[in-house]
Amino acid sequence: MKKNNPIDFKIVESMKAFAENYAKTTDTFFCIDPEVTDSVIQGLSKNKDLFGAPLCPCRYYDEKIDEISLAYWNCPCVPMRERKECHCMLFLTPSNEFSSLRQTFS
């Protein structure tokens, strides 16, 4: 596990690229509040940098390493993959009241 250093820019950019691609592929959209989207991307990037996997940053875990090995909450988590339910509000269906029309960061 890494120390608490600044998050690698390349990891943040790769998480953004992943999120854009996944949103387009699943016909989901980012939250209307860009701060929510940015916060989730930062959390996913931090977990990817520290632990090697984009563990959902919006949940509490007793042991993150154990959770990562289960892969249930690794983004995209099982609820998102199976039912399009994103607890983090990163990927929202068009009918969600907090959904924007954005699928990109530019």
PDB file of N, CA and C in Angstrom:
ATOM      1  N   MET A   1       0.836  -1.176   0.000  1.00  0.00           N
ATOM      2  CA  MET A   1       0.000   0.000   0.000  1.00  0.00           C
ATOM      3  C   MET A   1       0.883   1.243   0.000  1.00  0.00           C
ATOM      4  N   LYS A   2       0.506   2.249  -0.784  1.00  0.00           N
ATOM      5  CA  LYS A   2       1.276   3.483  -0.886  1.00  0.00           C
ATOM      6  C   LYS A   2       0.995   4.410   0.285  1.00  0.00           C
ATOM      7  N   LYS A   3       1.877   5.368   0.470  1.00  0.00           N
ATOM      8  CA  LYS A   3       1.672   6.423   1.464  1.00  0.00           C
ATOM      9  C   LYS A   3       0.645   7.417   0.925  1.00  0.00           C
ATOM     10  N   ASN A   4       0.224   8.344   1.750  1.00  0.00           N
ATOM     11  CA  ASN A   4      -0.753   9.359   1.333  1.00  0.00           C
ATOM     12  C   ASN A   4      -0.080  10.489   0.566  1.00  0.00           C
ATOM     13  N   ASN A   5       0.345  10.207  -0.638  1.00  0.00           N
ATOM     14  CA  ASN A   5       0.925  11.200  -1.534  1.00  0.00           C
ATOM     15  C   ASN A   5      -0.173  11.714  -2.462  1.00  0.00           C
ATOM     16  N   PRO A   6       0.095  12.817  -3.185  1.00  0.00           N
ATOM     17  CA  PRO A   6      -0.901  13.275  -4.169  1.00  0.00           C
ATOM     18  C   PRO A   6      -1.217  12.162  -5.174  1.00  0.00           C
ATOM     19  N   ILE A   7      -2.453  12.148  -5.627  1.00  0.00           N
ATOM     20  CA  ILE A   7      -2.889  11.123  -6.581  1.00  0.00           C
ATOM     21  C   ILE A   7      -2.201  11.345  -7.919  1.00  0.00           C
ATOM     22  N   ASP A   8      -1.722  10.275  -8.495  1.00  0.00           N
ATOM     23  CA  ASP A   8      -1.053  10.313  -9.799  1.00  0.00           C
ATOM     24  C   ASP A   8      -2.032  10.847 -10.855  1.00  0.00           C
ATOM     25  N   PHE A   9      -1.615  11.891 -11.558  1.00  0.00           N
ATOM     26  CA  PHE A   9      -2.436  12.524 -12.590  1.00  0.00           C
ATOM     27  C   PHE A   9      -2.898  11.515 -13.635  1.00  0.00           C
ATOM     28  N   LYS A  10      -2.016  10.581 -14.008  1.00  0.00           N
ATOM     29  CA  LYS A  10      -2.364   9.576 -15.019  1.00  0.00           C
ATOM     30  C   LYS A  10      -3.506   8.681 -14.542  1.00  0.00           C
ATOM     31  N   ILE A  11      -3.545   8.400 -13.254  1.00  0.00           N
ATOM     32  CA  ILE A  11      -4.632   7.569 -12.721  1.00  0.00           C
ATOM     33  C   ILE A  11      -5.948   8.335 -12.775  1.00  0.00           C
ATOM     34  N   VAL A  12      -5.928   9.597 -12.419  1.00  0.00           N
ATOM     35  CA  VAL A  12      -7.144  10.426 -12.493  1.00  0.00           C
ATOM     36  C   VAL A  12      -7.645  10.476 -13.932  1.00  0.00           C
ATOM     37  N   GLU A  13      -6.740  10.710 -14.864  1.00  0.00           N
ATOM     38  CA  GLU A  13      -7.136  10.772 -16.275  1.00  0.00           C
ATOM     39  C   GLU A  13      -7.671   9.427 -16.764  1.00  0.00           C
ATOM     40  N   SER A  14      -7.085   8.332 -16.310  1.00  0.00           N
ATOM     41  CA  SER A  14      -7.582   7.013 -16.727  1.00  0.00           C
ATOM     42  C   SER A  14      -8.956   6.732 -16.121  1.00  0.00           C
ATOM     43  N   MET A  15      -9.204   7.220 -14.900  1.00  0.00           N
ATOM     44  CA  MET A  15     -10.527   7.041 -14.291  1.00  0.00           C
ATOM     45  C   MET A  15     -11.567   7.882 -15.015  1.00  0.00           C
ATOM     46  N   LYS A  16     -11.184   9.067 -15.444  1.00  0.00           N
ATOM     47  CA  LYS A  16     -12.094   9.905 -16.228  1.00  0.00           C
ATOM     48  C   LYS A  16     -12.425   9.231 -17.558  1.00  0.00           C
ATOM     49  N   ALA A  17     -11.408   8.702 -18.227  1.00  0.00           N
ATOM     50  CA  ALA A  17     -11.627   8.020 -19.510  1.00  0.00           C
ATOM     51  C   ALA A  17     -12.518   6.800 -19.314  1.00  0.00           C
ATOM     52  N   PHE A  18     -12.272   6.045 -18.247  1.00  0.00           N
ATOM     53  CA  PHE A  18     -13.120   4.896 -17.934  1.00  0.00           C
ATOM     54  C   PHE A  18     -14.569   5.349 -17.733  1.00  0.00           C
ATOM     55  N   ALA A  19     -14.766   6.398 -16.936  1.00  0.00           N
ATOM     56  CA  ALA A  19     -16.118   6.876 -16.626  1.00  0.00           C
ATOM     57  C   ALA A  19     -16.843   7.347 -17.883  1.00  0.00           C
ATOM     58  N   GLU A  20     -16.145   8.073 -18.737  1.00  0.00           N
ATOM     59  CA  GLU A  20     -16.764   8.527 -19.989  1.00  0.00           C
ATOM     60  C   GLU A  20     -17.180   7.337 -20.850  1.00  0.00           C
ATOM     61  N   ASN A  21     -16.306   6.401 -21.010  1.00  0.00           N
ATOM     62  CA  ASN A  21     -16.590   5.221 -21.823  1.00  0.00           C
ATOM     63  C   ASN A  21     -17.743   4.404 -21.224  1.00  0.00           C
ATOM     64  N   TYR A  22     -17.704   4.217 -19.922  1.00  0.00           N
ATOM     65  CA  TYR A  22     -18.745   3.419 -19.277  1.00  0.00           C
ATOM     66  C   TYR A  22     -20.109   4.116 -19.371  1.00  0.00           C
ATOM     67  N   ALA A  23     -20.131   5.424 -19.184  1.00  0.00           N
ATOM     68  CA  ALA A  23     -21.389   6.178 -19.286  1.00  0.00           C
ATOM     69  C   ALA A  23     -21.982   6.035 -20.687  1.00  0.00           C
ATOM     70  N   LYS A  24     -21.147   6.174 -21.692  1.00  0.00           N
ATOM     71  CA  LYS A  24     -21.635   6.043 -23.072  1.00  0.00           C
ATOM     72  C   LYS A  24     -22.116   4.619 -23.360  1.00  0.00           C
ATOM     73  N   THR A  25     -21.369   3.648 -22.890  1.00  0.00           N
ATOM     74  CA  THR A  25     -21.710   2.247 -23.135  1.00  0.00           C
ATOM     75  C   THR A  25     -23.016   1.834 -22.457  1.00  0.00           C
ATOM     76  N   THR A  26     -23.273   2.391 -21.282  1.00  0.00           N
ATOM     77  CA  THR A  26     -24.454   1.994 -20.501  1.00  0.00           C
ATOM     78  C   THR A  26     -25.613   2.976 -20.611  1.00  0.00           C
ATOM     79  N   ASP A  27     -25.465   4.005 -21.444  1.00  0.00           N
ATOM     80  CA  ASP A  27     -26.489   5.050 -21.582  1.00  0.00           C
ATOM     81  C   ASP A  27     -26.841   5.656 -20.227  1.00  0.00           C
ATOM     82  N   THR A  28     -25.788   5.972 -19.462  1.00  0.00           N
ATOM     83  CA  THR A  28     -25.957   6.675 -18.194  1.00  0.00           C
ATOM     84  C   THR A  28     -25.248   8.019 -18.302  1.00  0.00           C
ATOM     85  N   PHE A  29     -25.491   8.881 -17.321  1.00  0.00           N
ATOM     86  CA  PHE A  29     -24.983  10.249 -17.373  1.00  0.00           C
ATOM     87  C   PHE A  29     -24.427  10.649 -16.020  1.00  0.00           C
ATOM     88  N   PHE A  30     -23.548  11.653 -16.037  1.00  0.00           N
ATOM     89  CA  PHE A  30     -22.966  12.145 -14.795  1.00  0.00           C
ATOM     90  C   PHE A  30     -23.985  13.009 -14.054  1.00  0.00           C
ATOM     91  N   CYS A  31     -23.727  13.200 -12.782  1.00  0.00           N
ATOM     92  CA  CYS A  31     -24.602  13.997 -11.921  1.00  0.00           C
ATOM     93  C   CYS A  31     -24.657  15.445 -12.409  1.00  0.00           C
ATOM     94  N   ILE A  32     -25.792  16.065 -12.210  1.00  0.00           N
ATOM     95  CA  ILE A  32     -25.973  17.463 -12.612  1.00  0.00           C
ATOM     96  C   ILE A  32     -25.026  18.388 -11.838  1.00  0.00           C
ATOM     97  N   ASP A  33     -24.598  17.959 -10.655  1.00  0.00           N
ATOM     98  CA  ASP A  33     -23.635  18.715  -9.857  1.00  0.00           C
ATOM     99  C   ASP A  33     -22.233  18.192 -10.169  1.00  0.00           C
ATOM    100  N   PRO A  34     -21.427  18.945 -10.915  1.00  0.00           N
ATOM    101  CA  PRO A  34     -20.104  18.453 -11.305  1.00  0.00           C
ATOM    102  C   PRO A  34     -19.181  18.168 -10.120  1.00  0.00           C
ATOM    103  N   GLU A  35     -19.444  18.799  -8.972  1.00  0.00           N
ATOM    104  CA  GLU A  35     -18.624  18.537  -7.790  1.00  0.00           C
ATOM    105  C   GLU A  35     -18.815  17.101  -7.295  1.00  0.00           C
ATOM    106  N   VAL A  36     -20.011  16.559  -7.450  1.00  0.00           N
ATOM    107  CA  VAL A  36     -20.268  15.171  -7.071  1.00  0.00           C
ATOM    108  C   VAL A  36     -19.438  14.250  -7.961  1.00  0.00           C
ATOM    109  N   THR A  37     -19.513  14.488  -9.249  1.00  0.00           N
ATOM    110  CA  THR A  37     -18.765  13.668 -10.213  1.00  0.00           C
ATOM    111  C   THR A  37     -17.268  13.749  -9.935  1.00  0.00           C
ATOM    112  N   ASP A  38     -16.758  14.953  -9.737  1.00  0.00           N
ATOM    113  CA  ASP A  38     -15.332  15.135  -9.479  1.00  0.00           C
ATOM    114  C   ASP A  38     -14.913  14.435  -8.187  1.00  0.00           C
ATOM    115  N   SER A  39     -15.717  14.551  -7.167  1.00  0.00           N
ATOM    116  CA  SER A  39     -15.400  13.922  -5.884  1.00  0.00           C
ATOM    117  C   SER A  39     -15.321  12.403  -6.010  1.00  0.00           C
ATOM    118  N   VAL A  40     -16.257  11.822  -6.745  1.00  0.00           N
ATOM    119  CA  VAL A  40     -16.256  10.373  -6.933  1.00  0.00           C
ATOM    120  C   VAL A  40     -15.033   9.948  -7.745  1.00  0.00           C
ATOM    121  N   ILE A  41     -14.717  10.681  -8.809  1.00  0.00           N
ATOM    122  CA  ILE A  41     -13.535  10.365  -9.616  1.00  0.00           C
ATOM    123  C   ILE A  41     -12.274  10.449  -8.761  1.00  0.00           C
ATOM    124  N   GLN A  42     -12.177  11.466  -7.940  1.00  0.00           N
ATOM    125  CA  GLN A  42     -11.013  11.607  -7.058  1.00  0.00           C
ATOM    126  C   GLN A  42     -10.925  10.431  -6.081  1.00  0.00           C
ATOM    127  N   GLY A  43     -12.057  10.032  -5.523  1.00  0.00           N
ATOM    128  CA  GLY A  43     -12.070   8.900  -4.589  1.00  0.00           C
ATOM    129  C   GLY A  43     -11.705   7.588  -5.262  1.00  0.00           C
ATOM    130  N   LEU A  44     -12.253   7.359  -6.448  1.00  0.00           N
ATOM    131  CA  LEU A  44     -11.907   6.147  -7.203  1.00  0.00           C
ATOM    132  C   LEU A  44     -10.416   6.144  -7.539  1.00  0.00           C
ATOM    133  N   SER A  45      -9.910   7.301  -7.947  1.00  0.00           N
ATOM    134  CA  SER A  45      -8.494   7.420  -8.308  1.00  0.00           C
ATOM    135  C   SER A  45      -7.597   7.173  -7.101  1.00  0.00           C
ATOM    136  N   LYS A  46      -7.987   7.714  -5.974  1.00  0.00           N
ATOM    137  CA  LYS A  46      -7.201   7.514  -4.744  1.00  0.00           C
ATOM    138  C   LYS A  46      -7.138   6.034  -4.395  1.00  0.00           C
ATOM    139  N   ASN A  47      -8.276   5.356  -4.446  1.00  0.00           N
ATOM    140  CA  ASN A  47      -8.293   3.929  -4.129  1.00  0.00           C
ATOM    141  C   ASN A  47      -7.504   3.114  -5.155  1.00  0.00           C
ATOM    142  N   LYS A  48      -7.605   3.506  -6.415  1.00  0.00           N
ATOM    143  CA  LYS A  48      -6.832   2.824  -7.460  1.00  0.00           C
ATOM    144  C   LYS A  48      -5.336   3.015  -7.207  1.00  0.00           C
ATOM    145  N   ASP A  49      -4.945   4.223  -6.841  1.00  0.00           N
ATOM    146  CA  ASP A  49      -3.544   4.532  -6.578  1.00  0.00           C
ATOM    147  C   ASP A  49      -3.034   3.798  -5.336  1.00  0.00           C
ATOM    148  N   LEU A  50      -3.815   3.820  -4.262  1.00  0.00           N
ATOM    149  CA  LEU A  50      -3.384   3.217  -3.002  1.00  0.00           C
ATOM    150  C   LEU A  50      -3.469   1.695  -2.989  1.00  0.00           C
ATOM    151  N   PHE A  51      -4.543   1.166  -3.588  1.00  0.00           N
ATOM    152  CA  PHE A  51      -4.828  -0.262  -3.441  1.00  0.00           C
ATOM    153  C   PHE A  51      -4.806  -1.051  -4.747  1.00  0.00           C
ATOM    154  N   GLY A  52      -4.708  -0.348  -5.876  1.00  0.00           N
ATOM    155  CA  GLY A  52      -4.653  -1.033  -7.160  1.00  0.00           C
ATOM    156  C   GLY A  52      -5.999  -1.341  -7.774  1.00  0.00           C
ATOM    157  N   ALA A  53      -7.084  -0.885  -7.146  1.00  0.00           N
ATOM    158  CA  ALA A  53      -8.426  -1.126  -7.679  1.00  0.00           C
ATOM    159  C   ALA A  53      -9.315   0.072  -7.360  1.00  0.00           C
ATOM    160  N   PRO A  54     -10.250   0.409  -8.264  1.00  0.00           N
ATOM    161  CA  PRO A  54     -11.137   1.549  -8.047  1.00  0.00           C
ATOM    162  C   PRO A  54     -12.315   1.177  -7.139  1.00  0.00           C
ATOM    163  N   LEU A  55     -12.017   0.973  -5.880  1.00  0.00           N
ATOM    164  CA  LEU A  55     -13.049   0.639  -4.891  1.00  0.00           C
ATOM    165  C   LEU A  55     -13.973   1.834  -4.690  1.00  0.00           C
ATOM    166  N   CYS A  56     -15.273   1.577  -4.640  1.00  0.00           N
ATOM    167  CA  CYS A  56     -16.270   2.631  -4.438  1.00  0.00           C
ATOM    168  C   CYS A  56     -15.872   3.499  -3.243  1.00  0.00           C
ATOM    169  N   PRO A  57     -15.750   4.812  -3.450  1.00  0.00           N
ATOM    170  CA  PRO A  57     -15.334   5.695  -2.363  1.00  0.00           C
ATOM    171  C   PRO A  57     -16.483   6.155  -1.470  1.00  0.00           C
ATOM    172  N   CYS A  58     -17.689   5.770  -1.797  1.00  0.00           N
ATOM    173  CA  CYS A  58     -18.869   6.285  -1.093  1.00  0.00           C
ATOM    174  C   CYS A  58     -19.385   5.338  -0.009  1.00  0.00           C
ATOM    175  N   ARG A  59     -18.614   4.336   0.317  1.00  0.00           N
ATOM    176  CA  ARG A  59     -19.023   3.365   1.309  1.00  0.00           C
ATOM    177  C   ARG A  59     -17.938   3.243   2.367  1.00  0.00           C
ATOM    178  N   TYR A  60     -18.331   2.759   3.538  1.00  0.00           N
ATOM    179  CA  TYR A  60     -17.366   2.488   4.601  1.00  0.00           C
ATOM    180  C   TYR A  60     -16.990   1.011   4.550  1.00  0.00           C
ATOM    181  N   TYR A  61     -15.707   0.731   4.727  1.00  0.00           N
ATOM    182  CA  TYR A  61     -15.211  -0.645   4.738  1.00  0.00           C
ATOM    183  C   TYR A  61     -14.332  -0.843   5.963  1.00  0.00           C
ATOM    184  N   ASP A  62     -14.529  -1.954   6.663  1.00  0.00           N
ATOM    185  CA  ASP A  62     -13.628  -2.290   7.762  1.00  0.00           C
ATOM    186  C   ASP A  62     -12.231  -2.557   7.216  1.00  0.00           C
ATOM    187  N   GLU A  63     -12.168  -3.313   6.127  1.00  0.00           N
ATOM    188  CA  GLU A  63     -10.888  -3.664   5.502  1.00  0.00           C
ATOM    189  C   GLU A  63     -11.002  -3.487   3.986  1.00  0.00           C
ATOM    190  N   LYS A  64     -10.426  -2.431   3.457  1.00  0.00           N
ATOM    191  CA  LYS A  64     -10.528  -2.150   2.021  1.00  0.00           C
ATOM    192  C   LYS A  64      -9.902  -3.255   1.179  1.00  0.00           C
ATOM    193  N   ILE A  65      -8.776  -3.784   1.616  1.00  0.00           N
ATOM    194  CA  ILE A  65      -8.103  -4.845   0.850  1.00  0.00           C
ATOM    195  C   ILE A  65      -9.021  -6.059   0.710  1.00  0.00           C
ATOM    196  N   ASP A  66      -9.693  -6.436   1.790  1.00  0.00           N
ATOM    197  CA  ASP A  66     -10.625  -7.570   1.727  1.00  0.00           C
ATOM    198  C   ASP A  66     -11.769  -7.275   0.766  1.00  0.00           C
ATOM    199  N   GLU A  67     -12.309  -6.072   0.810  1.00  0.00           N
ATOM    200  CA  GLU A  67     -13.404  -5.686  -0.086  1.00  0.00           C
ATOM    201  C   GLU A  67     -12.963  -5.716  -1.546  1.00  0.00           C
ATOM    202  N   ILE A  68     -11.763  -5.249  -1.798  1.00  0.00           N
ATOM    203  CA  ILE A  68     -11.248  -5.246  -3.165  1.00  0.00           C
ATOM    204  C   ILE A  68     -11.158  -6.666  -3.705  1.00  0.00           C
ATOM    205  N   SER A  69     -10.700  -7.586  -2.878  1.00  0.00           N
ATOM    206  CA  SER A  69     -10.558  -8.979  -3.338  1.00  0.00           C
ATOM    207  C   SER A  69     -11.912  -9.608  -3.656  1.00  0.00           C
ATOM    208  N   LEU A  70     -12.970  -9.146  -2.998  1.00  0.00           N
ATOM    209  CA  LEU A  70     -14.316  -9.651  -3.300  1.00  0.00           C
ATOM    210  C   LEU A  70     -14.852  -9.080  -4.615  1.00  0.00           C
ATOM    211  N   ALA A  71     -14.383  -7.905  -5.000  1.00  0.00           N
ATOM    212  CA  ALA A  71     -14.727  -7.213  -6.251  1.00  0.00           C
ATOM    213  C   ALA A  71     -16.179  -6.745  -6.337  1.00  0.00           C
ATOM    214  N   TYR A  72     -16.947  -6.876  -5.287  1.00  0.00           N
ATOM    215  CA  TYR A  72     -18.350  -6.468  -5.324  1.00  0.00           C
ATOM    216  C   TYR A  72     -18.481  -4.947  -5.470  1.00  0.00           C
ATOM    217  N   TRP A  73     -17.664  -4.188  -4.725  1.00  0.00           N
ATOM    218  CA  TRP A  73     -17.751  -2.725  -4.740  1.00  0.00           C
ATOM    219  C   TRP A  73     -16.689  -2.068  -5.600  1.00  0.00           C
ATOM    220  N   ASN A  74     -15.949  -2.851  -6.385  1.00  0.00           N
ATOM    221  CA  ASN A  74     -15.007  -2.254  -7.333  1.00  0.00           C
ATOM    222  C   ASN A  74     -15.815  -1.665  -8.483  1.00  0.00           C
ATOM    223  N   CYS A  75     -15.511  -0.438  -8.847  1.00  0.00           N
ATOM    224  CA  CYS A  75     -16.280   0.276  -9.870  1.00  0.00           C
ATOM    225  C   CYS A  75     -16.021  -0.285 -11.266  1.00  0.00           C
ATOM    226  N   PRO A  76     -17.069  -0.543 -12.027  1.00  0.00           N
ATOM    227  CA  PRO A  76     -18.472  -0.434 -11.674  1.00  0.00           C
ATOM    228  C   PRO A  76     -18.878  -1.586 -10.759  1.00  0.00           C
ATOM    229  N   CYS A  77     -19.560  -1.248  -9.695  1.00  0.00           N
ATOM    230  CA  CYS A  77     -19.953  -2.227  -8.689  1.00  0.00           C
ATOM    231  C   CYS A  77     -21.058  -3.153  -9.225  1.00  0.00           C
ATOM    232  N   VAL A  78     -21.312  -4.207  -8.492  1.00  0.00           N
ATOM    233  CA  VAL A  78     -22.323  -5.176  -8.915  1.00  0.00           C
ATOM    234  C   VAL A  78     -23.705  -4.528  -9.062  1.00  0.00           C
ATOM    235  N   PRO A  79     -24.167  -3.696  -8.102  1.00  0.00           N
ATOM    236  CA  PRO A  79     -25.476  -3.068  -8.306  1.00  0.00           C
ATOM    237  C   PRO A  79     -25.547  -2.229  -9.592  1.00  0.00           C
ATOM    238  N   MET A  80     -24.444  -1.582  -9.945  1.00  0.00           N
ATOM    239  CA  MET A  80     -24.432  -0.798 -11.186  1.00  0.00           C
ATOM    240  C   MET A  80     -24.475  -1.719 -12.393  1.00  0.00           C
ATOM    241  N   ARG A  81     -23.661  -2.736 -12.385  1.00  0.00           N
ATOM    242  CA  ARG A  81     -23.608  -3.645 -13.533  1.00  0.00           C
ATOM    243  C   ARG A  81     -24.921  -4.394 -13.717  1.00  0.00           C
ATOM    244  N   GLU A  82     -25.556  -4.771 -12.617  1.00  0.00           N
ATOM    245  CA  GLU A  82     -26.772  -5.586 -12.721  1.00  0.00           C
ATOM    246  C   GLU A  82     -28.053  -4.776 -12.866  1.00  0.00           C
ATOM    247  N   ARG A  83     -28.137  -3.617 -12.173  1.00  0.00           N
ATOM    248  CA  ARG A  83     -29.406  -2.884 -12.133  1.00  0.00           C
ATOM    249  C   ARG A  83     -29.284  -1.396 -12.458  1.00  0.00           C
ATOM    250  N   LYS A  84     -28.080  -0.957 -12.853  1.00  0.00           N
ATOM    251  CA  LYS A  84     -27.826   0.470 -13.101  1.00  0.00           C
ATOM    252  C   LYS A  84     -28.158   1.322 -11.876  1.00  0.00           C
ATOM    253  N   GLU A  85     -27.729   0.841 -10.710  1.00  0.00           N
ATOM    254  CA  GLU A  85     -27.909   1.562  -9.451  1.00  0.00           C
ATOM    255  C   GLU A  85     -26.532   1.982  -8.940  1.00  0.00           C
ATOM    256  N   CYS A  86     -26.225   3.255  -9.079  1.00  0.00           N
ATOM    257  CA  CYS A  86     -24.933   3.783  -8.657  1.00  0.00           C
ATOM    258  C   CYS A  86     -25.118   4.608  -7.391  1.00  0.00           C
ATOM    259  N   HIS A  87     -24.703   4.045  -6.273  1.00  0.00           N
ATOM    260  CA  HIS A  87     -24.812   4.712  -4.974  1.00  0.00           C
ATOM    261  C   HIS A  87     -24.048   6.036  -4.965  1.00  0.00           C
ATOM    262  N   CYS A  88     -22.951   6.120  -5.692  1.00  0.00           N
ATOM    263  CA  CYS A  88     -22.097   7.318  -5.729  1.00  0.00           C
ATOM    264  C   CYS A  88     -22.676   8.449  -6.574  1.00  0.00           C
ATOM    265  N   MET A  89     -23.667   8.129  -7.378  1.00  0.00           N
ATOM    266  CA  MET A  89     -24.260   9.089  -8.311  1.00  0.00           C
ATOM    267  C   MET A  89     -23.289   9.489  -9.424  1.00  0.00           C
ATOM    268  N   LEU A  90     -22.374   8.597  -9.751  1.00  0.00           N
ATOM    269  CA  LEU A  90     -21.483   8.848 -10.886  1.00  0.00           C
ATOM    270  C   LEU A  90     -22.190   8.504 -12.185  1.00  0.00           C
ATOM    271  N   PHE A  91     -22.847   7.362 -12.202  1.00  0.00           N
ATOM    272  CA  PHE A  91     -23.564   6.903 -13.396  1.00  0.00           C
ATOM    273  C   PHE A  91     -25.062   6.900 -13.094  1.00  0.00           C
ATOM    274  N   LEU A  92     -25.785   7.819 -13.722  1.00  0.00           N
ATOM    275  CA  LEU A  92     -27.218   7.955 -13.470  1.00  0.00           C
ATOM    276  C   LEU A  92     -28.017   7.698 -14.741  1.00  0.00           C
ATOM    277  N   THR A  93     -29.143   7.054 -14.576  1.00  0.00           N
ATOM    278  CA  THR A  93     -30.016   6.815 -15.718  1.00  0.00           C
ATOM    279  C   THR A  93     -30.669   8.139 -16.115  1.00  0.00           C
ATOM    280  N   PRO A  94     -31.095   8.266 -17.357  1.00  0.00           N
ATOM    281  CA  PRO A  94     -31.711   9.523 -17.809  1.00  0.00           C
ATOM    282  C   PRO A  94     -32.940   9.928 -16.993  1.00  0.00           C
ATOM    283  N   SER A  95     -33.624   8.973 -16.406  1.00  0.00           N
ATOM    284  CA  SER A  95     -34.829   9.286 -15.633  1.00  0.00           C
ATOM    285  C   SER A  95     -34.527   9.777 -14.220  1.00  0.00           C
ATOM    286  N   ASN A  96     -33.289   9.679 -13.784  1.00  0.00           N
ATOM    287  CA  ASN A  96     -32.923  10.122 -12.442  1.00  0.00           C
ATOM    288  C   ASN A  96     -32.970  11.645 -12.381  1.00  0.00           C
ATOM    289  N   GLU A  97     -33.591  12.185 -11.362  1.00  0.00           N
ATOM    290  CA  GLU A  97     -33.753  13.634 -11.253  1.00  0.00           C
ATOM    291  C   GLU A  97     -32.431  14.384 -11.108  1.00  0.00           C
ATOM    292  N   PHE A  98     -31.358  13.692 -10.742  1.00  0.00           N
ATOM    293  CA  PHE A  98     -30.052  14.319 -10.592  1.00  0.00           C
ATOM    294  C   PHE A  98     -29.146  14.110 -11.803  1.00  0.00           C
ATOM    295  N   SER A  99     -29.676  13.486 -12.848  1.00  0.00           N
ATOM    296  CA  SER A  99     -28.901  13.197 -14.050  1.00  0.00           C
ATOM    297  C   SER A  99     -28.750  14.447 -14.912  1.00  0.00           C
ATOM    298  N   SER A 100     -27.545  14.631 -15.418  1.00  0.00           N
ATOM    299  CA  SER A 100     -27.307  15.689 -16.395  1.00  0.00           C
ATOM    300  C   SER A 100     -27.423  15.065 -17.784  1.00  0.00           C
ATOM    301  N   LEU A 101     -26.982  15.796 -18.782  1.00  0.00           N
ATOM    302  CA  LEU A 101     -26.891  15.251 -20.137  1.00  0.00           C
ATOM    303  C   LEU A 101     -25.430  14.980 -20.489  1.00  0.00           C
ATOM    304  N   ARG A 102     -24.543  15.088 -19.483  1.00  0.00           N
ATOM    305  CA  ARG A 102     -23.106  14.949 -19.726  1.00  0.00           C
ATOM    306  C   ARG A 102     -22.630  13.510 -19.593  1.00  0.00           C
ATOM    307  N   GLN A 103     -21.803  13.123 -20.543  1.00  0.00           N
ATOM    308  CA  GLN A 103     -21.114  11.834 -20.499  1.00  0.00           C
ATOM    309  C   GLN A 103     -19.606  12.038 -20.716  1.00  0.00           C
ATOM    310  N   THR A 104     -19.196  13.289 -20.701  1.00  0.00           N
ATOM    311  CA  THR A 104     -17.785  13.616 -20.875  1.00  0.00           C
ATOM    312  C   THR A 104     -17.376  14.668 -19.851  1.00  0.00           C
ATOM    313  N   PHE A 105     -16.066  14.838 -19.706  1.00  0.00           N
ATOM    314  CA  PHE A 105     -15.528  15.833 -18.789  1.00  0.00           C
ATOM    315  C   PHE A 105     -15.115  17.111 -19.476  1.00  0.00           C
ATOM    316  N   SER A 106     -15.081  17.110 -20.804  1.00  0.00           N
ATOM    317  CA  SER A 106     -14.633  18.314 -21.520  1.00  0.00           C
ATOM    318  C   SER A 106     -15.744  19.310 -21.710  1.00  0.00           C
TER     319      SER A 106
END
